[in-house]
Amino acid sequence: MAQNQPIDPLFCPTETALGLIGGKWKGMILWCICRKTMRFNELHRIIPDISQRMLTKQLRELEDHKIIVRKVYPQIPPKVEYSLSTHGEALKPILDQLEDWSRSYLEQRQAES
């Protein structure tokens, strides 16, 4: 890319990635599901202050983007589990790096205070 050229946000790969996994809740949802397959109520208990409606919406978006997989077991009562898809598994090292960067950033900021 030539320097000093305006960036079209629609064609910026970083914006695309952040648009898919960004937002208030998706980071926490992915952080949980990266560690293990989880059920809806487990996620709802672990993530503070998220409503059931919002959790459902965020899970559906992640599923629509093929980042997570929703597996329904044909039993009574119904059992549904969420896990990472192949695309989600490819995100794990990136999310781990973001976690490391964030911890380092917060430590530096705290030391500056």
N, C-alpha and C. Protein backbone atom coordinates (compact mmCIF):
# COMPACT_ATOMS: atom_id res chain seq x y z
N MET A 1 0.84 -1.17 0.00
CA MET A 1 0.00 0.00 0.00
C MET A 1 0.89 1.24 0.00
N ALA A 2 0.55 2.19 -0.85
CA ALA A 2 1.31 3.43 -0.90
C ALA A 2 1.05 4.25 0.36
N GLN A 3 2.08 4.95 0.80
CA GLN A 3 1.92 5.77 2.00
C GLN A 3 1.01 6.95 1.70
N ASN A 4 0.35 7.43 2.74
CA ASN A 4 -0.51 8.60 2.69
C ASN A 4 -1.74 8.43 1.80
N GLN A 5 -2.07 7.20 1.44
CA GLN A 5 -3.29 6.94 0.71
C GLN A 5 -4.39 6.65 1.72
N PRO A 6 -5.59 7.19 1.52
CA PRO A 6 -6.67 6.87 2.45
C PRO A 6 -6.99 5.38 2.42
N ILE A 7 -7.32 4.86 3.57
CA ILE A 7 -7.66 3.44 3.69
C ILE A 7 -9.17 3.30 3.61
N ASP A 8 -9.62 2.43 2.74
CA ASP A 8 -11.04 2.13 2.65
C ASP A 8 -11.37 1.11 3.72
N PRO A 9 -12.17 1.49 4.74
CA PRO A 9 -12.45 0.56 5.83
C PRO A 9 -13.10 -0.75 5.37
N LEU A 10 -13.76 -0.72 4.22
CA LEU A 10 -14.39 -1.94 3.72
C LEU A 10 -13.36 -2.95 3.23
N PHE A 11 -12.15 -2.49 2.93
CA PHE A 11 -11.13 -3.39 2.40
C PHE A 11 -9.92 -3.51 3.31
N CYS A 12 -10.07 -3.12 4.55
CA CYS A 12 -8.98 -3.23 5.52
C CYS A 12 -9.13 -4.56 6.25
N PRO A 13 -8.20 -5.49 6.09
CA PRO A 13 -8.33 -6.80 6.72
C PRO A 13 -8.45 -6.73 8.24
N THR A 14 -7.75 -5.79 8.86
CA THR A 14 -7.83 -5.67 10.32
C THR A 14 -9.24 -5.29 10.74
N GLU A 15 -9.85 -4.34 10.03
CA GLU A 15 -11.22 -3.94 10.34
C GLU A 15 -12.19 -5.10 10.14
N THR A 16 -11.96 -5.88 9.10
CA THR A 16 -12.82 -7.05 8.86
C THR A 16 -12.74 -8.01 10.04
N ALA A 17 -11.52 -8.32 10.47
CA ALA A 17 -11.33 -9.25 11.59
C ALA A 17 -11.96 -8.71 12.86
N LEU A 18 -11.69 -7.44 13.17
CA LEU A 18 -12.25 -6.85 14.39
C LEU A 18 -13.77 -6.76 14.32
N GLY A 19 -14.30 -6.55 13.14
CA GLY A 19 -15.75 -6.54 12.97
C GLY A 19 -16.38 -7.89 13.26
N LEU A 20 -15.67 -8.96 12.93
CA LEU A 20 -16.19 -10.31 13.15
C LEU A 20 -16.11 -10.73 14.61
N ILE A 21 -15.05 -10.32 15.31
CA ILE A 21 -14.85 -10.81 16.68
C ILE A 21 -14.95 -9.70 17.73
N GLY A 22 -15.13 -8.46 17.28
CA GLY A 22 -15.16 -7.34 18.21
C GLY A 22 -16.54 -7.13 18.82
N GLY A 23 -16.61 -6.19 19.71
CA GLY A 23 -17.85 -5.86 20.38
C GLY A 23 -17.72 -6.09 21.87
N LYS A 24 -18.77 -5.75 22.58
CA LYS A 24 -18.73 -5.81 24.04
C LYS A 24 -18.60 -7.23 24.57
N TRP A 25 -19.23 -8.20 23.93
CA TRP A 25 -19.34 -9.54 24.51
C TRP A 25 -18.57 -10.62 23.77
N LYS A 26 -18.32 -10.46 22.49
CA LYS A 26 -17.72 -11.55 21.71
C LYS A 26 -16.35 -11.97 22.22
N GLY A 27 -15.57 -11.03 22.69
CA GLY A 27 -14.26 -11.38 23.23
C GLY A 27 -14.37 -12.33 24.41
N MET A 28 -15.28 -12.03 25.33
CA MET A 28 -15.46 -12.91 26.49
C MET A 28 -16.03 -14.26 26.08
N ILE A 29 -16.97 -14.25 25.15
CA ILE A 29 -17.56 -15.50 24.67
C ILE A 29 -16.47 -16.37 24.04
N LEU A 30 -15.68 -15.78 23.16
CA LEU A 30 -14.61 -16.55 22.51
C LEU A 30 -13.56 -17.01 23.51
N TRP A 31 -13.23 -16.16 24.48
CA TRP A 31 -12.25 -16.52 25.50
C TRP A 31 -12.71 -17.79 26.23
N CYS A 32 -14.00 -17.85 26.55
CA CYS A 32 -14.55 -19.03 27.25
C CYS A 32 -14.55 -20.26 26.35
N ILE A 33 -15.05 -20.10 25.13
CA ILE A 33 -15.19 -21.24 24.23
C ILE A 33 -13.83 -21.73 23.75
N CYS A 34 -12.82 -20.87 23.73
CA CYS A 34 -11.46 -21.31 23.37
C CYS A 34 -10.93 -22.31 24.38
N ARG A 35 -11.36 -22.20 25.61
CA ARG A 35 -10.84 -23.06 26.65
C ARG A 35 -11.55 -24.41 26.71
N LYS A 36 -12.84 -24.43 26.36
CA LYS A 36 -13.57 -25.70 26.34
C LYS A 36 -14.92 -25.51 25.67
N THR A 37 -15.49 -26.62 25.23
CA THR A 37 -16.85 -26.61 24.70
C THR A 37 -17.78 -26.22 25.83
N MET A 38 -18.74 -25.34 25.54
CA MET A 38 -19.60 -24.84 26.60
C MET A 38 -21.06 -24.85 26.18
N ARG A 39 -21.91 -24.95 27.19
CA ARG A 39 -23.35 -24.86 26.99
C ARG A 39 -23.79 -23.43 27.26
N PHE A 40 -24.98 -23.10 26.77
CA PHE A 40 -25.50 -21.73 26.88
C PHE A 40 -25.52 -21.26 28.33
N ASN A 41 -26.10 -22.05 29.22
CA ASN A 41 -26.22 -21.62 30.62
C ASN A 41 -24.86 -21.46 31.30
N GLU A 42 -23.88 -22.26 30.91
CA GLU A 42 -22.52 -22.08 31.44
C GLU A 42 -21.98 -20.70 31.06
N LEU A 43 -22.13 -20.37 29.78
CA LEU A 43 -21.68 -19.06 29.31
C LEU A 43 -22.42 -17.94 30.03
N HIS A 44 -23.72 -18.11 30.18
CA HIS A 44 -24.53 -17.07 30.82
C HIS A 44 -24.12 -16.86 32.28
N ARG A 45 -23.75 -17.92 32.96
CA ARG A 45 -23.30 -17.79 34.36
C ARG A 45 -21.93 -17.14 34.46
N ILE A 46 -21.05 -17.47 33.53
CA ILE A 46 -19.66 -17.01 33.60
C ILE A 46 -19.51 -15.55 33.19
N ILE A 47 -20.29 -15.12 32.19
CA ILE A 47 -20.13 -13.77 31.65
C ILE A 47 -21.05 -12.82 32.42
N PRO A 48 -20.47 -11.90 33.17
CA PRO A 48 -21.28 -11.02 34.02
C PRO A 48 -22.11 -10.04 33.20
N ASP A 49 -23.33 -9.86 33.62
CA ASP A 49 -24.23 -8.81 33.11
C ASP A 49 -24.74 -9.00 31.68
N ILE A 50 -24.46 -10.10 31.02
CA ILE A 50 -25.00 -10.28 29.67
C ILE A 50 -26.40 -10.87 29.79
N SER A 51 -27.34 -10.32 29.02
CA SER A 51 -28.70 -10.85 29.04
C SER A 51 -28.75 -12.11 28.17
N GLN A 52 -29.77 -12.93 28.40
CA GLN A 52 -29.93 -14.13 27.58
C GLN A 52 -30.13 -13.75 26.11
N ARG A 53 -30.89 -12.70 25.89
CA ARG A 53 -31.15 -12.24 24.52
C ARG A 53 -29.85 -11.83 23.82
N MET A 54 -29.02 -11.08 24.51
CA MET A 54 -27.76 -10.62 23.91
C MET A 54 -26.79 -11.79 23.70
N LEU A 55 -26.74 -12.72 24.65
CA LEU A 55 -25.88 -13.89 24.50
C LEU A 55 -26.31 -14.69 23.27
N THR A 56 -27.61 -14.89 23.13
CA THR A 56 -28.13 -15.61 21.96
C THR A 56 -27.75 -14.90 20.68
N LYS A 57 -27.90 -13.58 20.64
CA LYS A 57 -27.57 -12.78 19.46
C LYS A 57 -26.09 -12.91 19.10
N GLN A 58 -25.23 -12.78 20.10
CA GLN A 58 -23.79 -12.85 19.86
C GLN A 58 -23.37 -14.24 19.40
N LEU A 59 -23.93 -15.27 20.03
CA LEU A 59 -23.62 -16.65 19.62
C LEU A 59 -24.06 -16.89 18.18
N ARG A 60 -25.24 -16.40 17.82
CA ARG A 60 -25.73 -16.57 16.44
C ARG A 60 -24.82 -15.87 15.44
N GLU A 61 -24.35 -14.66 15.79
CA GLU A 61 -23.45 -13.95 14.88
C GLU A 61 -22.14 -14.72 14.70
N LEU A 62 -21.58 -15.22 15.79
CA LEU A 62 -20.35 -16.00 15.70
C LEU A 62 -20.57 -17.28 14.89
N GLU A 63 -21.74 -17.87 15.06
CA GLU A 63 -22.08 -19.07 14.30
C GLU A 63 -22.27 -18.73 12.82
N ASP A 64 -22.97 -17.63 12.53
CA ASP A 64 -23.18 -17.20 11.14
C ASP A 64 -21.86 -16.92 10.43
N HIS A 65 -20.88 -16.42 11.17
CA HIS A 65 -19.57 -16.12 10.60
C HIS A 65 -18.64 -17.34 10.60
N LYS A 66 -19.19 -18.49 11.02
CA LYS A 66 -18.44 -19.76 11.00
C LYS A 66 -17.24 -19.76 11.94
N ILE A 67 -17.35 -19.01 13.04
CA ILE A 67 -16.28 -18.97 14.03
C ILE A 67 -16.53 -20.00 15.13
N ILE A 68 -17.80 -20.23 15.43
CA ILE A 68 -18.17 -21.27 16.38
C ILE A 68 -19.16 -22.23 15.72
N VAL A 69 -19.30 -23.38 16.36
CA VAL A 69 -20.24 -24.41 15.91
C VAL A 69 -21.23 -24.66 17.03
N ARG A 70 -22.48 -24.75 16.66
CA ARG A 70 -23.55 -25.06 17.62
C ARG A 70 -23.98 -26.50 17.35
N LYS A 71 -23.83 -27.35 18.37
CA LYS A 71 -24.19 -28.76 18.22
C LYS A 71 -25.39 -29.05 19.10
N VAL A 72 -26.47 -29.53 18.48
CA VAL A 72 -27.70 -29.87 19.19
C VAL A 72 -27.77 -31.38 19.32
N TYR A 73 -27.97 -31.84 20.54
CA TYR A 73 -28.11 -33.27 20.79
C TYR A 73 -29.60 -33.60 20.85
N PRO A 74 -30.04 -34.62 20.12
CA PRO A 74 -31.47 -34.97 20.09
C PRO A 74 -31.87 -35.75 21.35
N GLN A 75 -32.10 -35.02 22.40
CA GLN A 75 -32.50 -35.65 23.66
C GLN A 75 -33.47 -34.72 24.38
N ILE A 76 -34.08 -35.24 25.41
CA ILE A 76 -34.99 -34.44 26.24
C ILE A 76 -34.43 -34.43 27.65
N PRO A 77 -34.20 -33.28 28.26
CA PRO A 77 -34.32 -31.94 27.65
C PRO A 77 -33.22 -31.73 26.62
N PRO A 78 -33.45 -30.79 25.70
CA PRO A 78 -32.45 -30.55 24.65
C PRO A 78 -31.10 -30.13 25.23
N LYS A 79 -30.06 -30.58 24.58
CA LYS A 79 -28.70 -30.22 24.99
C LYS A 79 -28.03 -29.55 23.79
N VAL A 80 -27.50 -28.35 24.01
CA VAL A 80 -26.81 -27.61 22.95
C VAL A 80 -25.44 -27.21 23.47
N GLU A 81 -24.42 -27.45 22.65
CA GLU A 81 -23.05 -27.08 23.02
C GLU A 81 -22.45 -26.19 21.94
N TYR A 82 -21.58 -25.31 22.39
CA TYR A 82 -20.87 -24.40 21.49
C TYR A 82 -19.38 -24.69 21.57
N SER A 83 -18.76 -24.79 20.40
CA SER A 83 -17.32 -25.02 20.34
C SER A 83 -16.75 -24.22 19.16
N LEU A 84 -15.45 -24.18 19.07
CA LEU A 84 -14.81 -23.47 17.97
C LEU A 84 -14.91 -24.28 16.68
N SER A 85 -15.14 -23.58 15.59
CA SER A 85 -15.10 -24.20 14.27
C SER A 85 -13.63 -24.26 13.82
N THR A 86 -13.41 -24.71 12.62
CA THR A 86 -12.05 -24.70 12.08
C THR A 86 -11.51 -23.28 12.02
N HIS A 87 -12.36 -22.33 11.57
CA HIS A 87 -11.94 -20.92 11.55
C HIS A 87 -11.66 -20.41 12.96
N GLY A 88 -12.49 -20.83 13.91
CA GLY A 88 -12.29 -20.43 15.30
C GLY A 88 -11.00 -20.99 15.87
N GLU A 89 -10.70 -22.24 15.55
CA GLU A 89 -9.44 -22.85 16.00
C GLU A 89 -8.24 -22.08 15.46
N ALA A 90 -8.35 -21.61 14.21
CA ALA A 90 -7.27 -20.83 13.62
C ALA A 90 -7.08 -19.49 14.34
N LEU A 91 -8.13 -19.02 15.00
CA LEU A 91 -8.07 -17.76 15.77
C LEU A 91 -7.38 -17.92 17.12
N LYS A 92 -7.33 -19.13 17.65
CA LYS A 92 -6.80 -19.33 19.00
C LYS A 92 -5.42 -18.70 19.22
N PRO A 93 -4.44 -18.97 18.37
CA PRO A 93 -3.13 -18.35 18.62
C PRO A 93 -3.18 -16.82 18.54
N ILE A 94 -4.04 -16.30 17.69
CA ILE A 94 -4.17 -14.85 17.57
C ILE A 94 -4.79 -14.28 18.84
N LEU A 95 -5.83 -14.95 19.34
CA LEU A 95 -6.47 -14.50 20.58
C LEU A 95 -5.50 -14.62 21.76
N ASP A 96 -4.69 -15.67 21.77
CA ASP A 96 -3.67 -15.80 22.82
C ASP A 96 -2.67 -14.65 22.76
N GLN A 97 -2.27 -14.27 21.55
CA GLN A 97 -1.35 -13.14 21.40
C GLN A 97 -2.00 -11.84 21.85
N LEU A 98 -3.28 -11.66 21.52
CA LEU A 98 -4.00 -10.47 21.99
C LEU A 98 -4.07 -10.43 23.50
N GLU A 99 -4.29 -11.59 24.11
CA GLU A 99 -4.34 -11.66 25.57
C GLU A 99 -2.99 -11.27 26.16
N ASP A 100 -1.91 -11.80 25.60
CA ASP A 100 -0.56 -11.46 26.08
C ASP A 100 -0.29 -9.97 25.91
N TRP A 101 -0.64 -9.43 24.75
CA TRP A 101 -0.43 -8.00 24.50
C TRP A 101 -1.23 -7.16 25.49
N SER A 102 -2.47 -7.56 25.73
CA SER A 102 -3.33 -6.81 26.63
C SER A 102 -2.78 -6.81 28.06
N ARG A 103 -2.33 -7.96 28.53
CA ARG A 103 -1.75 -8.04 29.87
C ARG A 103 -0.52 -7.14 29.98
N SER A 104 0.34 -7.20 28.98
CA SER A 104 1.54 -6.37 28.97
C SER A 104 1.18 -4.89 28.94
N TYR A 105 0.23 -4.54 28.11
CA TYR A 105 -0.21 -3.15 28.00
C TYR A 105 -0.76 -2.65 29.33
N LEU A 106 -1.62 -3.45 29.95
CA LEU A 106 -2.21 -3.04 31.23
C LEU A 106 -1.15 -2.91 32.33
N GLU A 107 -0.18 -3.83 32.34
CA GLU A 107 0.91 -3.73 33.32
C GLU A 107 1.72 -2.45 33.12
N GLN A 108 2.02 -2.14 31.88
CA GLN A 108 2.78 -0.91 31.59
C GLN A 108 1.99 0.33 31.98
N ARG A 109 0.71 0.32 31.67
CA ARG A 109 -0.13 1.47 32.02
C ARG A 109 -0.21 1.65 33.53
N GLN A 110 -0.33 0.53 34.23
CA GLN A 110 -0.40 0.59 35.69
C GLN A 110 0.92 1.10 36.26
N ALA A 111 2.03 0.67 35.69
CA ALA A 111 3.34 1.12 36.16
C ALA A 111 3.54 2.61 35.91
N GLU A 112 2.94 3.13 34.86
CA GLU A 112 3.04 4.56 34.54
C GLU A 112 2.20 5.42 35.47
N SER A 113 1.21 4.82 36.09
CA SER A 113 0.30 5.60 36.96
C SER A 113 0.95 5.98 38.27
